[in-house]
């Protein structure tokens, strides 16, 4: 779910925060 949000979100800062969740 977090990886999909990284790709689909429009805001790059939000994408980076979703990527942090992916890493965790």
PDBML (XML) file of the C-alpha atoms, coordinates in Angstrom:
<?xml version="1.0" encoding="UTF-8" ?>
<PDBx:datablock datablockName="MODEL"
   xmlns:PDBx="http://pdbml.pdb.org/schema/pdbx-v50.xsd"
   xmlns:xsi="http://www.w3.org/2001/XMLSchema-instance"
   xsi:schemaLocation="http://pdbml.pdb.org/schema/pdbx-v50.xsd pdbx-v50.xsd">
   <PDBx:atom_siteCategory>
      <PDBx:atom_site id="1">
         <PDBx:B_iso_or_equiv>0.00</PDBx:B_iso_or_equiv>
         <PDBx:Cartn_x>0.000</PDBx:Cartn_x>
         <PDBx:Cartn_y>0.000</PDBx:Cartn_y>
         <PDBx:Cartn_z>0.000</PDBx:Cartn_z>
         <PDBx:auth_asym_id>A</PDBx:auth_asym_id>
         <PDBx:auth_atom_id>CA</PDBx:auth_atom_id>
         <PDBx:auth_comp_id>UNK</PDBx:auth_comp_id>
         <PDBx:auth_seq_id>1</PDBx:auth_seq_id>
         <PDBx:group_PDB>ATOM</PDBx:group_PDB>
         <PDBx:label_alt_id xsi:nil="true" />
         <PDBx:label_asym_id>A</PDBx:label_asym_id>
         <PDBx:label_atom_id>CA</PDBx:label_atom_id>
         <PDBx:label_comp_id>UNK</PDBx:label_comp_id>
         <PDBx:label_entity_id>1</PDBx:label_entity_id>
         <PDBx:label_seq_id>1</PDBx:label_seq_id>
         <PDBx:occupancy>1.00</PDBx:occupancy>
         <PDBx:pdbx_PDB_model_num>1</PDBx:pdbx_PDB_model_num>
         <PDBx:type_symbol>C</PDBx:type_symbol>
      </PDBx:atom_site>
      <PDBx:atom_site id="2">
         <PDBx:B_iso_or_equiv>0.00</PDBx:B_iso_or_equiv>
         <PDBx:Cartn_x>2.777</PDBx:Cartn_x>
         <PDBx:Cartn_y>2.455</PDBx:Cartn_y>
         <PDBx:Cartn_z>0.904</PDBx:Cartn_z>
         <PDBx:auth_asym_id>A</PDBx:auth_asym_id>
         <PDBx:auth_atom_id>CA</PDBx:auth_atom_id>
         <PDBx:auth_comp_id>UNK</PDBx:auth_comp_id>
         <PDBx:auth_seq_id>2</PDBx:auth_seq_id>
         <PDBx:group_PDB>ATOM</PDBx:group_PDB>
         <PDBx:label_alt_id xsi:nil="true" />
         <PDBx:label_asym_id>A</PDBx:label_asym_id>
         <PDBx:label_atom_id>CA</PDBx:label_atom_id>
         <PDBx:label_comp_id>UNK</PDBx:label_comp_id>
         <PDBx:label_entity_id>1</PDBx:label_entity_id>
         <PDBx:label_seq_id>2</PDBx:label_seq_id>
         <PDBx:occupancy>1.00</PDBx:occupancy>
         <PDBx:pdbx_PDB_model_num>1</PDBx:pdbx_PDB_model_num>
         <PDBx:type_symbol>C</PDBx:type_symbol>
      </PDBx:atom_site>
      <PDBx:atom_site id="3">
         <PDBx:B_iso_or_equiv>0.00</PDBx:B_iso_or_equiv>
         <PDBx:Cartn_x>4.644</PDBx:Cartn_x>
         <PDBx:Cartn_y>1.674</PDBx:Cartn_y>
         <PDBx:Cartn_z>-2.343</PDBx:Cartn_z>
         <PDBx:auth_asym_id>A</PDBx:auth_asym_id>
         <PDBx:auth_atom_id>CA</PDBx:auth_atom_id>
         <PDBx:auth_comp_id>UNK</PDBx:auth_comp_id>
         <PDBx:auth_seq_id>3</PDBx:auth_seq_id>
         <PDBx:group_PDB>ATOM</PDBx:group_PDB>
         <PDBx:label_alt_id xsi:nil="true" />
         <PDBx:label_asym_id>A</PDBx:label_asym_id>
         <PDBx:label_atom_id>CA</PDBx:label_atom_id>
         <PDBx:label_comp_id>UNK</PDBx:label_comp_id>
         <PDBx:label_entity_id>1</PDBx:label_entity_id>
         <PDBx:label_seq_id>3</PDBx:label_seq_id>
         <PDBx:occupancy>1.00</PDBx:occupancy>
         <PDBx:pdbx_PDB_model_num>1</PDBx:pdbx_PDB_model_num>
         <PDBx:type_symbol>C</PDBx:type_symbol>
      </PDBx:atom_site>
      <PDBx:atom_site id="4">
         <PDBx:B_iso_or_equiv>0.00</PDBx:B_iso_or_equiv>
         <PDBx:Cartn_x>1.486</PDBx:Cartn_x>
         <PDBx:Cartn_y>2.385</PDBx:Cartn_y>
         <PDBx:Cartn_z>-4.341</PDBx:Cartn_z>
         <PDBx:auth_asym_id>A</PDBx:auth_asym_id>
         <PDBx:auth_atom_id>CA</PDBx:auth_atom_id>
         <PDBx:auth_comp_id>UNK</PDBx:auth_comp_id>
         <PDBx:auth_seq_id>4</PDBx:auth_seq_id>
         <PDBx:group_PDB>ATOM</PDBx:group_PDB>
         <PDBx:label_alt_id xsi:nil="true" />
         <PDBx:label_asym_id>A</PDBx:label_asym_id>
         <PDBx:label_atom_id>CA</PDBx:label_atom_id>
         <PDBx:label_comp_id>UNK</PDBx:label_comp_id>
         <PDBx:label_entity_id>1</PDBx:label_entity_id>
         <PDBx:label_seq_id>4</PDBx:label_seq_id>
         <PDBx:occupancy>1.00</PDBx:occupancy>
         <PDBx:pdbx_PDB_model_num>1</PDBx:pdbx_PDB_model_num>
         <PDBx:type_symbol>C</PDBx:type_symbol>
      </PDBx:atom_site>
      <PDBx:atom_site id="5">
         <PDBx:B_iso_or_equiv>0.00</PDBx:B_iso_or_equiv>
         <PDBx:Cartn_x>1.058</PDBx:Cartn_x>
         <PDBx:Cartn_y>5.686</PDBx:Cartn_y>
         <PDBx:Cartn_z>-2.505</PDBx:Cartn_z>
         <PDBx:auth_asym_id>A</PDBx:auth_asym_id>
         <PDBx:auth_atom_id>CA</PDBx:auth_atom_id>
         <PDBx:auth_comp_id>UNK</PDBx:auth_comp_id>
         <PDBx:auth_seq_id>5</PDBx:auth_seq_id>
         <PDBx:group_PDB>ATOM</PDBx:group_PDB>
         <PDBx:label_alt_id xsi:nil="true" />
         <PDBx:label_asym_id>A</PDBx:label_asym_id>
         <PDBx:label_atom_id>CA</PDBx:label_atom_id>
         <PDBx:label_comp_id>UNK</PDBx:label_comp_id>
         <PDBx:label_entity_id>1</PDBx:label_entity_id>
         <PDBx:label_seq_id>5</PDBx:label_seq_id>
         <PDBx:occupancy>1.00</PDBx:occupancy>
         <PDBx:pdbx_PDB_model_num>1</PDBx:pdbx_PDB_model_num>
         <PDBx:type_symbol>C</PDBx:type_symbol>
      </PDBx:atom_site>
      <PDBx:atom_site id="6">
         <PDBx:B_iso_or_equiv>0.00</PDBx:B_iso_or_equiv>
         <PDBx:Cartn_x>4.666</PDBx:Cartn_x>
         <PDBx:Cartn_y>6.623</PDBx:Cartn_y>
         <PDBx:Cartn_z>-3.328</PDBx:Cartn_z>
         <PDBx:auth_asym_id>A</PDBx:auth_asym_id>
         <PDBx:auth_atom_id>CA</PDBx:auth_atom_id>
         <PDBx:auth_comp_id>UNK</PDBx:auth_comp_id>
         <PDBx:auth_seq_id>6</PDBx:auth_seq_id>
         <PDBx:group_PDB>ATOM</PDBx:group_PDB>
         <PDBx:label_alt_id xsi:nil="true" />
         <PDBx:label_asym_id>A</PDBx:label_asym_id>
         <PDBx:label_atom_id>CA</PDBx:label_atom_id>
         <PDBx:label_comp_id>UNK</PDBx:label_comp_id>
         <PDBx:label_entity_id>1</PDBx:label_entity_id>
         <PDBx:label_seq_id>6</PDBx:label_seq_id>
         <PDBx:occupancy>1.00</PDBx:occupancy>
         <PDBx:pdbx_PDB_model_num>1</PDBx:pdbx_PDB_model_num>
         <PDBx:type_symbol>C</PDBx:type_symbol>
      </PDBx:atom_site>
      <PDBx:atom_site id="7">
         <PDBx:B_iso_or_equiv>0.00</PDBx:B_iso_or_equiv>
         <PDBx:Cartn_x>3.879</PDBx:Cartn_x>
         <PDBx:Cartn_y>6.288</PDBx:Cartn_y>
         <PDBx:Cartn_z>-7.024</PDBx:Cartn_z>
         <PDBx:auth_asym_id>A</PDBx:auth_asym_id>
         <PDBx:auth_atom_id>CA</PDBx:auth_atom_id>
         <PDBx:auth_comp_id>UNK</PDBx:auth_comp_id>
         <PDBx:auth_seq_id>7</PDBx:auth_seq_id>
         <PDBx:group_PDB>ATOM</PDBx:group_PDB>
         <PDBx:label_alt_id xsi:nil="true" />
         <PDBx:label_asym_id>A</PDBx:label_asym_id>
         <PDBx:label_atom_id>CA</PDBx:label_atom_id>
         <PDBx:label_comp_id>UNK</PDBx:label_comp_id>
         <PDBx:label_entity_id>1</PDBx:label_entity_id>
         <PDBx:label_seq_id>7</PDBx:label_seq_id>
         <PDBx:occupancy>1.00</PDBx:occupancy>
         <PDBx:pdbx_PDB_model_num>1</PDBx:pdbx_PDB_model_num>
         <PDBx:type_symbol>C</PDBx:type_symbol>
      </PDBx:atom_site>
      <PDBx:atom_site id="8">
         <PDBx:B_iso_or_equiv>0.00</PDBx:B_iso_or_equiv>
         <PDBx:Cartn_x>0.365</PDBx:Cartn_x>
         <PDBx:Cartn_y>7.763</PDBx:Cartn_y>
         <PDBx:Cartn_z>-7.036</PDBx:Cartn_z>
         <PDBx:auth_asym_id>A</PDBx:auth_asym_id>
         <PDBx:auth_atom_id>CA</PDBx:auth_atom_id>
         <PDBx:auth_comp_id>UNK</PDBx:auth_comp_id>
         <PDBx:auth_seq_id>8</PDBx:auth_seq_id>
         <PDBx:group_PDB>ATOM</PDBx:group_PDB>
         <PDBx:label_alt_id xsi:nil="true" />
         <PDBx:label_asym_id>A</PDBx:label_asym_id>
         <PDBx:label_atom_id>CA</PDBx:label_atom_id>
         <PDBx:label_comp_id>UNK</PDBx:label_comp_id>
         <PDBx:label_entity_id>1</PDBx:label_entity_id>
         <PDBx:label_seq_id>8</PDBx:label_seq_id>
         <PDBx:occupancy>1.00</PDBx:occupancy>
         <PDBx:pdbx_PDB_model_num>1</PDBx:pdbx_PDB_model_num>
         <PDBx:type_symbol>C</PDBx:type_symbol>
      </PDBx:atom_site>
      <PDBx:atom_site id="9">
         <PDBx:B_iso_or_equiv>0.00</PDBx:B_iso_or_equiv>
         <PDBx:Cartn_x>0.655</PDBx:Cartn_x>
         <PDBx:Cartn_y>10.758</PDBx:Cartn_y>
         <PDBx:Cartn_z>-4.713</PDBx:Cartn_z>
         <PDBx:auth_asym_id>A</PDBx:auth_asym_id>
         <PDBx:auth_atom_id>CA</PDBx:auth_atom_id>
         <PDBx:auth_comp_id>UNK</PDBx:auth_comp_id>
         <PDBx:auth_seq_id>9</PDBx:auth_seq_id>
         <PDBx:group_PDB>ATOM</PDBx:group_PDB>
         <PDBx:label_alt_id xsi:nil="true" />
         <PDBx:label_asym_id>A</PDBx:label_asym_id>
         <PDBx:label_atom_id>CA</PDBx:label_atom_id>
         <PDBx:label_comp_id>UNK</PDBx:label_comp_id>
         <PDBx:label_entity_id>1</PDBx:label_entity_id>
         <PDBx:label_seq_id>9</PDBx:label_seq_id>
         <PDBx:occupancy>1.00</PDBx:occupancy>
         <PDBx:pdbx_PDB_model_num>1</PDBx:pdbx_PDB_model_num>
         <PDBx:type_symbol>C</PDBx:type_symbol>
      </PDBx:atom_site>
      <PDBx:atom_site id="10">
         <PDBx:B_iso_or_equiv>0.00</PDBx:B_iso_or_equiv>
         <PDBx:Cartn_x>1.082</PDBx:Cartn_x>
         <PDBx:Cartn_y>14.171</PDBx:Cartn_y>
         <PDBx:Cartn_z>-6.324</PDBx:Cartn_z>
         <PDBx:auth_asym_id>A</PDBx:auth_asym_id>
         <PDBx:auth_atom_id>CA</PDBx:auth_atom_id>
         <PDBx:auth_comp_id>UNK</PDBx:auth_comp_id>
         <PDBx:auth_seq_id>10</PDBx:auth_seq_id>
         <PDBx:group_PDB>ATOM</PDBx:group_PDB>
         <PDBx:label_alt_id xsi:nil="true" />
         <PDBx:label_asym_id>A</PDBx:label_asym_id>
         <PDBx:label_atom_id>CA</PDBx:label_atom_id>
         <PDBx:label_comp_id>UNK</PDBx:label_comp_id>
         <PDBx:label_entity_id>1</PDBx:label_entity_id>
         <PDBx:label_seq_id>10</PDBx:label_seq_id>
         <PDBx:occupancy>1.00</PDBx:occupancy>
         <PDBx:pdbx_PDB_model_num>1</PDBx:pdbx_PDB_model_num>
         <PDBx:type_symbol>C</PDBx:type_symbol>
      </PDBx:atom_site>
      <PDBx:atom_site id="11">
         <PDBx:B_iso_or_equiv>0.00</PDBx:B_iso_or_equiv>
         <PDBx:Cartn_x>3.080</PDBx:Cartn_x>
         <PDBx:Cartn_y>15.903</PDBx:Cartn_y>
         <PDBx:Cartn_z>-3.610</PDBx:Cartn_z>
         <PDBx:auth_asym_id>A</PDBx:auth_asym_id>
         <PDBx:auth_atom_id>CA</PDBx:auth_atom_id>
         <PDBx:auth_comp_id>UNK</PDBx:auth_comp_id>
         <PDBx:auth_seq_id>11</PDBx:auth_seq_id>
         <PDBx:group_PDB>ATOM</PDBx:group_PDB>
         <PDBx:label_alt_id xsi:nil="true" />
         <PDBx:label_asym_id>A</PDBx:label_asym_id>
         <PDBx:label_atom_id>CA</PDBx:label_atom_id>
         <PDBx:label_comp_id>UNK</PDBx:label_comp_id>
         <PDBx:label_entity_id>1</PDBx:label_entity_id>
         <PDBx:label_seq_id>11</PDBx:label_seq_id>
         <PDBx:occupancy>1.00</PDBx:occupancy>
         <PDBx:pdbx_PDB_model_num>1</PDBx:pdbx_PDB_model_num>
         <PDBx:type_symbol>C</PDBx:type_symbol>
      </PDBx:atom_site>
      <PDBx:atom_site id="12">
         <PDBx:B_iso_or_equiv>0.00</PDBx:B_iso_or_equiv>
         <PDBx:Cartn_x>6.786</PDBx:Cartn_x>
         <PDBx:Cartn_y>14.852</PDBx:Cartn_y>
         <PDBx:Cartn_z>-3.643</PDBx:Cartn_z>
         <PDBx:auth_asym_id>A</PDBx:auth_asym_id>
         <PDBx:auth_atom_id>CA</PDBx:auth_atom_id>
         <PDBx:auth_comp_id>UNK</PDBx:auth_comp_id>
         <PDBx:auth_seq_id>12</PDBx:auth_seq_id>
         <PDBx:group_PDB>ATOM</PDBx:group_PDB>
         <PDBx:label_alt_id xsi:nil="true" />
         <PDBx:label_asym_id>A</PDBx:label_asym_id>
         <PDBx:label_atom_id>CA</PDBx:label_atom_id>
         <PDBx:label_comp_id>UNK</PDBx:label_comp_id>
         <PDBx:label_entity_id>1</PDBx:label_entity_id>
         <PDBx:label_seq_id>12</PDBx:label_seq_id>
         <PDBx:occupancy>1.00</PDBx:occupancy>
         <PDBx:pdbx_PDB_model_num>1</PDBx:pdbx_PDB_model_num>
         <PDBx:type_symbol>C</PDBx:type_symbol>
      </PDBx:atom_site>
      <PDBx:atom_site id="13">
         <PDBx:B_iso_or_equiv>0.00</PDBx:B_iso_or_equiv>
         <PDBx:Cartn_x>7.140</PDBx:Cartn_x>
         <PDBx:Cartn_y>15.456</PDBx:Cartn_y>
         <PDBx:Cartn_z>0.101</PDBx:Cartn_z>
         <PDBx:auth_asym_id>A</PDBx:auth_asym_id>
         <PDBx:auth_atom_id>CA</PDBx:auth_atom_id>
         <PDBx:auth_comp_id>UNK</PDBx:auth_comp_id>
         <PDBx:auth_seq_id>13</PDBx:auth_seq_id>
         <PDBx:group_PDB>ATOM</PDBx:group_PDB>
         <PDBx:label_alt_id xsi:nil="true" />
         <PDBx:label_asym_id>A</PDBx:label_asym_id>
         <PDBx:label_atom_id>CA</PDBx:label_atom_id>
         <PDBx:label_comp_id>UNK</PDBx:label_comp_id>
         <PDBx:label_entity_id>1</PDBx:label_entity_id>
         <PDBx:label_seq_id>13</PDBx:label_seq_id>
         <PDBx:occupancy>1.00</PDBx:occupancy>
         <PDBx:pdbx_PDB_model_num>1</PDBx:pdbx_PDB_model_num>
         <PDBx:type_symbol>C</PDBx:type_symbol>
      </PDBx:atom_site>
      <PDBx:atom_site id="14">
         <PDBx:B_iso_or_equiv>0.00</PDBx:B_iso_or_equiv>
         <PDBx:Cartn_x>4.202</PDBx:Cartn_x>
         <PDBx:Cartn_y>13.126</PDBx:Cartn_y>
         <PDBx:Cartn_z>0.800</PDBx:Cartn_z>
         <PDBx:auth_asym_id>A</PDBx:auth_asym_id>
         <PDBx:auth_atom_id>CA</PDBx:auth_atom_id>
         <PDBx:auth_comp_id>UNK</PDBx:auth_comp_id>
         <PDBx:auth_seq_id>14</PDBx:auth_seq_id>
         <PDBx:group_PDB>ATOM</PDBx:group_PDB>
         <PDBx:label_alt_id xsi:nil="true" />
         <PDBx:label_asym_id>A</PDBx:label_asym_id>
         <PDBx:label_atom_id>CA</PDBx:label_atom_id>
         <PDBx:label_comp_id>UNK</PDBx:label_comp_id>
         <PDBx:label_entity_id>1</PDBx:label_entity_id>
         <PDBx:label_seq_id>14</PDBx:label_seq_id>
         <PDBx:occupancy>1.00</PDBx:occupancy>
         <PDBx:pdbx_PDB_model_num>1</PDBx:pdbx_PDB_model_num>
         <PDBx:type_symbol>C</PDBx:type_symbol>
      </PDBx:atom_site>
      <PDBx:atom_site id="15">
         <PDBx:B_iso_or_equiv>0.00</PDBx:B_iso_or_equiv>
         <PDBx:Cartn_x>5.750</PDBx:Cartn_x>
         <PDBx:Cartn_y>10.574</PDBx:Cartn_y>
         <PDBx:Cartn_z>-1.575</PDBx:Cartn_z>
         <PDBx:auth_asym_id>A</PDBx:auth_asym_id>
         <PDBx:auth_atom_id>CA</PDBx:auth_atom_id>
         <PDBx:auth_comp_id>UNK</PDBx:auth_comp_id>
         <PDBx:auth_seq_id>15</PDBx:auth_seq_id>
         <PDBx:group_PDB>ATOM</PDBx:group_PDB>
         <PDBx:label_alt_id xsi:nil="true" />
         <PDBx:label_asym_id>A</PDBx:label_asym_id>
         <PDBx:label_atom_id>CA</PDBx:label_atom_id>
         <PDBx:label_comp_id>UNK</PDBx:label_comp_id>
         <PDBx:label_entity_id>1</PDBx:label_entity_id>
         <PDBx:label_seq_id>15</PDBx:label_seq_id>
         <PDBx:occupancy>1.00</PDBx:occupancy>
         <PDBx:pdbx_PDB_model_num>1</PDBx:pdbx_PDB_model_num>
         <PDBx:type_symbol>C</PDBx:type_symbol>
      </PDBx:atom_site>
      <PDBx:atom_site id="16">
         <PDBx:B_iso_or_equiv>0.00</PDBx:B_iso_or_equiv>
         <PDBx:Cartn_x>8.984</PDBx:Cartn_x>
         <PDBx:Cartn_y>10.736</PDBx:Cartn_y>
         <PDBx:Cartn_z>0.414</PDBx:Cartn_z>
         <PDBx:auth_asym_id>A</PDBx:auth_asym_id>
         <PDBx:auth_atom_id>CA</PDBx:auth_atom_id>
         <PDBx:auth_comp_id>UNK</PDBx:auth_comp_id>
         <PDBx:auth_seq_id>16</PDBx:auth_seq_id>
         <PDBx:group_PDB>ATOM</PDBx:group_PDB>
         <PDBx:label_alt_id xsi:nil="true" />
         <PDBx:label_asym_id>A</PDBx:label_asym_id>
         <PDBx:label_atom_id>CA</PDBx:label_atom_id>
         <PDBx:label_comp_id>UNK</PDBx:label_comp_id>
         <PDBx:label_entity_id>1</PDBx:label_entity_id>
         <PDBx:label_seq_id>16</PDBx:label_seq_id>
         <PDBx:occupancy>1.00</PDBx:occupancy>
         <PDBx:pdbx_PDB_model_num>1</PDBx:pdbx_PDB_model_num>
         <PDBx:type_symbol>C</PDBx:type_symbol>
      </PDBx:atom_site>
      <PDBx:atom_site id="17">
         <PDBx:B_iso_or_equiv>0.00</PDBx:B_iso_or_equiv>
         <PDBx:Cartn_x>7.097</PDBx:Cartn_x>
         <PDBx:Cartn_y>10.163</PDBx:Cartn_y>
         <PDBx:Cartn_z>3.672</PDBx:Cartn_z>
         <PDBx:auth_asym_id>A</PDBx:auth_asym_id>
         <PDBx:auth_atom_id>CA</PDBx:auth_atom_id>
         <PDBx:auth_comp_id>UNK</PDBx:auth_comp_id>
         <PDBx:auth_seq_id>17</PDBx:auth_seq_id>
         <PDBx:group_PDB>ATOM</PDBx:group_PDB>
         <PDBx:label_alt_id xsi:nil="true" />
         <PDBx:label_asym_id>A</PDBx:label_asym_id>
         <PDBx:label_atom_id>CA</PDBx:label_atom_id>
         <PDBx:label_comp_id>UNK</PDBx:label_comp_id>
         <PDBx:label_entity_id>1</PDBx:label_entity_id>
         <PDBx:label_seq_id>17</PDBx:label_seq_id>
         <PDBx:occupancy>1.00</PDBx:occupancy>
         <PDBx:pdbx_PDB_model_num>1</PDBx:pdbx_PDB_model_num>
         <PDBx:type_symbol>C</PDBx:type_symbol>
      </PDBx:atom_site>
      <PDBx:atom_site id="18">
         <PDBx:B_iso_or_equiv>0.00</PDBx:B_iso_or_equiv>
         <PDBx:Cartn_x>5.294</PDBx:Cartn_x>
         <PDBx:Cartn_y>7.160</PDBx:Cartn_y>
         <PDBx:Cartn_z>2.168</PDBx:Cartn_z>
         <PDBx:auth_asym_id>A</PDBx:auth_asym_id>
         <PDBx:auth_atom_id>CA</PDBx:auth_atom_id>
         <PDBx:auth_comp_id>UNK</PDBx:auth_comp_id>
         <PDBx:auth_seq_id>18</PDBx:auth_seq_id>
         <PDBx:group_PDB>ATOM</PDBx:group_PDB>
         <PDBx:label_alt_id xsi:nil="true" />
         <PDBx:label_asym_id>A</PDBx:label_asym_id>
         <PDBx:label_atom_id>CA</PDBx:label_atom_id>
         <PDBx:label_comp_id>UNK</PDBx:label_comp_id>
         <PDBx:label_entity_id>1</PDBx:label_entity_id>
         <PDBx:label_seq_id>18</PDBx:label_seq_id>
         <PDBx:occupancy>1.00</PDBx:occupancy>
         <PDBx:pdbx_PDB_model_num>1</PDBx:pdbx_PDB_model_num>
         <PDBx:type_symbol>C</PDBx:type_symbol>
      </PDBx:atom_site>
      <PDBx:atom_site id="19">
         <PDBx:B_iso_or_equiv>0.00</PDBx:B_iso_or_equiv>
         <PDBx:Cartn_x>8.706</PDBx:Cartn_x>
         <PDBx:Cartn_y>5.867</PDBx:Cartn_y>
         <PDBx:Cartn_z>1.106</PDBx:Cartn_z>
         <PDBx:auth_asym_id>A</PDBx:auth_asym_id>
         <PDBx:auth_atom_id>CA</PDBx:auth_atom_id>
         <PDBx:auth_comp_id>UNK</PDBx:auth_comp_id>
         <PDBx:auth_seq_id>19</PDBx:auth_seq_id>
         <PDBx:group_PDB>ATOM</PDBx:group_PDB>
         <PDBx:label_alt_id xsi:nil="true" />
         <PDBx:label_asym_id>A</PDBx:label_asym_id>
         <PDBx:label_atom_id>CA</PDBx:label_atom_id>
         <PDBx:label_comp_id>UNK</PDBx:label_comp_id>
         <PDBx:label_entity_id>1</PDBx:label_entity_id>
         <PDBx:label_seq_id>19</PDBx:label_seq_id>
         <PDBx:occupancy>1.00</PDBx:occupancy>
         <PDBx:pdbx_PDB_model_num>1</PDBx:pdbx_PDB_model_num>
         <PDBx:type_symbol>C</PDBx:type_symbol>
      </PDBx:atom_site>
      <PDBx:atom_site id="20">
         <PDBx:B_iso_or_equiv>0.00</PDBx:B_iso_or_equiv>
         <PDBx:Cartn_x>9.859</PDBx:Cartn_x>
         <PDBx:Cartn_y>6.164</PDBx:Cartn_y>
         <PDBx:Cartn_z>4.716</PDBx:Cartn_z>
         <PDBx:auth_asym_id>A</PDBx:auth_asym_id>
         <PDBx:auth_atom_id>CA</PDBx:auth_atom_id>
         <PDBx:auth_comp_id>UNK</PDBx:auth_comp_id>
         <PDBx:auth_seq_id>20</PDBx:auth_seq_id>
         <PDBx:group_PDB>ATOM</PDBx:group_PDB>
         <PDBx:label_alt_id xsi:nil="true" />
         <PDBx:label_asym_id>A</PDBx:label_asym_id>
         <PDBx:label_atom_id>CA</PDBx:label_atom_id>
         <PDBx:label_comp_id>UNK</PDBx:label_comp_id>
         <PDBx:label_entity_id>1</PDBx:label_entity_id>
         <PDBx:label_seq_id>20</PDBx:label_seq_id>
         <PDBx:occupancy>1.00</PDBx:occupancy>
         <PDBx:pdbx_PDB_model_num>1</PDBx:pdbx_PDB_model_num>
         <PDBx:type_symbol>C</PDBx:type_symbol>
      </PDBx:atom_site>
      <PDBx:atom_site id="21">
         <PDBx:B_iso_or_equiv>0.00</PDBx:B_iso_or_equiv>
         <PDBx:Cartn_x>6.937</PDBx:Cartn_x>
         <PDBx:Cartn_y>3.910</PDBx:Cartn_y>
         <PDBx:Cartn_z>5.699</PDBx:Cartn_z>
         <PDBx:auth_asym_id>A</PDBx:auth_asym_id>
         <PDBx:auth_atom_id>CA</PDBx:auth_atom_id>
         <PDBx:auth_comp_id>UNK</PDBx:auth_comp_id>
         <PDBx:auth_seq_id>21</PDBx:auth_seq_id>
         <PDBx:group_PDB>ATOM</PDBx:group_PDB>
         <PDBx:label_alt_id xsi:nil="true" />
         <PDBx:label_asym_id>A</PDBx:label_asym_id>
         <PDBx:label_atom_id>CA</PDBx:label_atom_id>
         <PDBx:label_comp_id>UNK</PDBx:label_comp_id>
         <PDBx:label_entity_id>1</PDBx:label_entity_id>
         <PDBx:label_seq_id>21</PDBx:label_seq_id>
         <PDBx:occupancy>1.00</PDBx:occupancy>
         <PDBx:pdbx_PDB_model_num>1</PDBx:pdbx_PDB_model_num>
         <PDBx:type_symbol>C</PDBx:type_symbol>
      </PDBx:atom_site>
      <PDBx:atom_site id="22">
         <PDBx:B_iso_or_equiv>0.00</PDBx:B_iso_or_equiv>
         <PDBx:Cartn_x>8.035</PDBx:Cartn_x>
         <PDBx:Cartn_y>1.471</PDBx:Cartn_y>
         <PDBx:Cartn_z>2.973</PDBx:Cartn_z>
         <PDBx:auth_asym_id>A</PDBx:auth_asym_id>
         <PDBx:auth_atom_id>CA</PDBx:auth_atom_id>
         <PDBx:auth_comp_id>UNK</PDBx:auth_comp_id>
         <PDBx:auth_seq_id>22</PDBx:auth_seq_id>
         <PDBx:group_PDB>ATOM</PDBx:group_PDB>
         <PDBx:label_alt_id xsi:nil="true" />
         <PDBx:label_asym_id>A</PDBx:label_asym_id>
         <PDBx:label_atom_id>CA</PDBx:label_atom_id>
         <PDBx:label_comp_id>UNK</PDBx:label_comp_id>
         <PDBx:label_entity_id>1</PDBx:label_entity_id>
         <PDBx:label_seq_id>22</PDBx:label_seq_id>
         <PDBx:occupancy>1.00</PDBx:occupancy>
         <PDBx:pdbx_PDB_model_num>1</PDBx:pdbx_PDB_model_num>
         <PDBx:type_symbol>C</PDBx:type_symbol>
      </PDBx:atom_site>
      <PDBx:atom_site id="23">
         <PDBx:B_iso_or_equiv>0.00</PDBx:B_iso_or_equiv>
         <PDBx:Cartn_x>11.531</PDBx:Cartn_x>
         <PDBx:Cartn_y>1.349</PDBx:Cartn_y>
         <PDBx:Cartn_z>4.424</PDBx:Cartn_z>
         <PDBx:auth_asym_id>A</PDBx:auth_asym_id>
         <PDBx:auth_atom_id>CA</PDBx:auth_atom_id>
         <PDBx:auth_comp_id>UNK</PDBx:auth_comp_id>
         <PDBx:auth_seq_id>23</PDBx:auth_seq_id>
         <PDBx:group_PDB>ATOM</PDBx:group_PDB>
         <PDBx:label_alt_id xsi:nil="true" />
         <PDBx:label_asym_id>A</PDBx:label_asym_id>
         <PDBx:label_atom_id>CA</PDBx:label_atom_id>
         <PDBx:label_comp_id>UNK</PDBx:label_comp_id>
         <PDBx:label_entity_id>1</PDBx:label_entity_id>
         <PDBx:label_seq_id>23</PDBx:label_seq_id>
         <PDBx:occupancy>1.00</PDBx:occupancy>
         <PDBx:pdbx_PDB_model_num>1</PDBx:pdbx_PDB_model_num>
         <PDBx:type_symbol>C</PDBx:type_symbol>
      </PDBx:atom_site>
      <PDBx:atom_site id="24">
         <PDBx:B_iso_or_equiv>0.00</PDBx:B_iso_or_equiv>
         <PDBx:Cartn_x>10.256</PDBx:Cartn_x>
         <PDBx:Cartn_y>0.755</PDBx:Cartn_y>
         <PDBx:Cartn_z>7.961</PDBx:Cartn_z>
         <PDBx:auth_asym_id>A</PDBx:auth_asym_id>
         <PDBx:auth_atom_id>CA</PDBx:auth_atom_id>
         <PDBx:auth_comp_id>UNK</PDBx:auth_comp_id>
         <PDBx:auth_seq_id>24</PDBx:auth_seq_id>
         <PDBx:group_PDB>ATOM</PDBx:group_PDB>
         <PDBx:label_alt_id xsi:nil="true" />
         <PDBx:label_asym_id>A</PDBx:label_asym_id>
         <PDBx:label_atom_id>CA</PDBx:label_atom_id>
         <PDBx:label_comp_id>UNK</PDBx:label_comp_id>
         <PDBx:label_entity_id>1</PDBx:label_entity_id>
         <PDBx:label_seq_id>24</PDBx:label_seq_id>
         <PDBx:occupancy>1.00</PDBx:occupancy>
         <PDBx:pdbx_PDB_model_num>1</PDBx:pdbx_PDB_model_num>
         <PDBx:type_symbol>C</PDBx:type_symbol>
      </PDBx:atom_site>
   </PDBx:atom_siteCategory>
</PDBx:datablock>
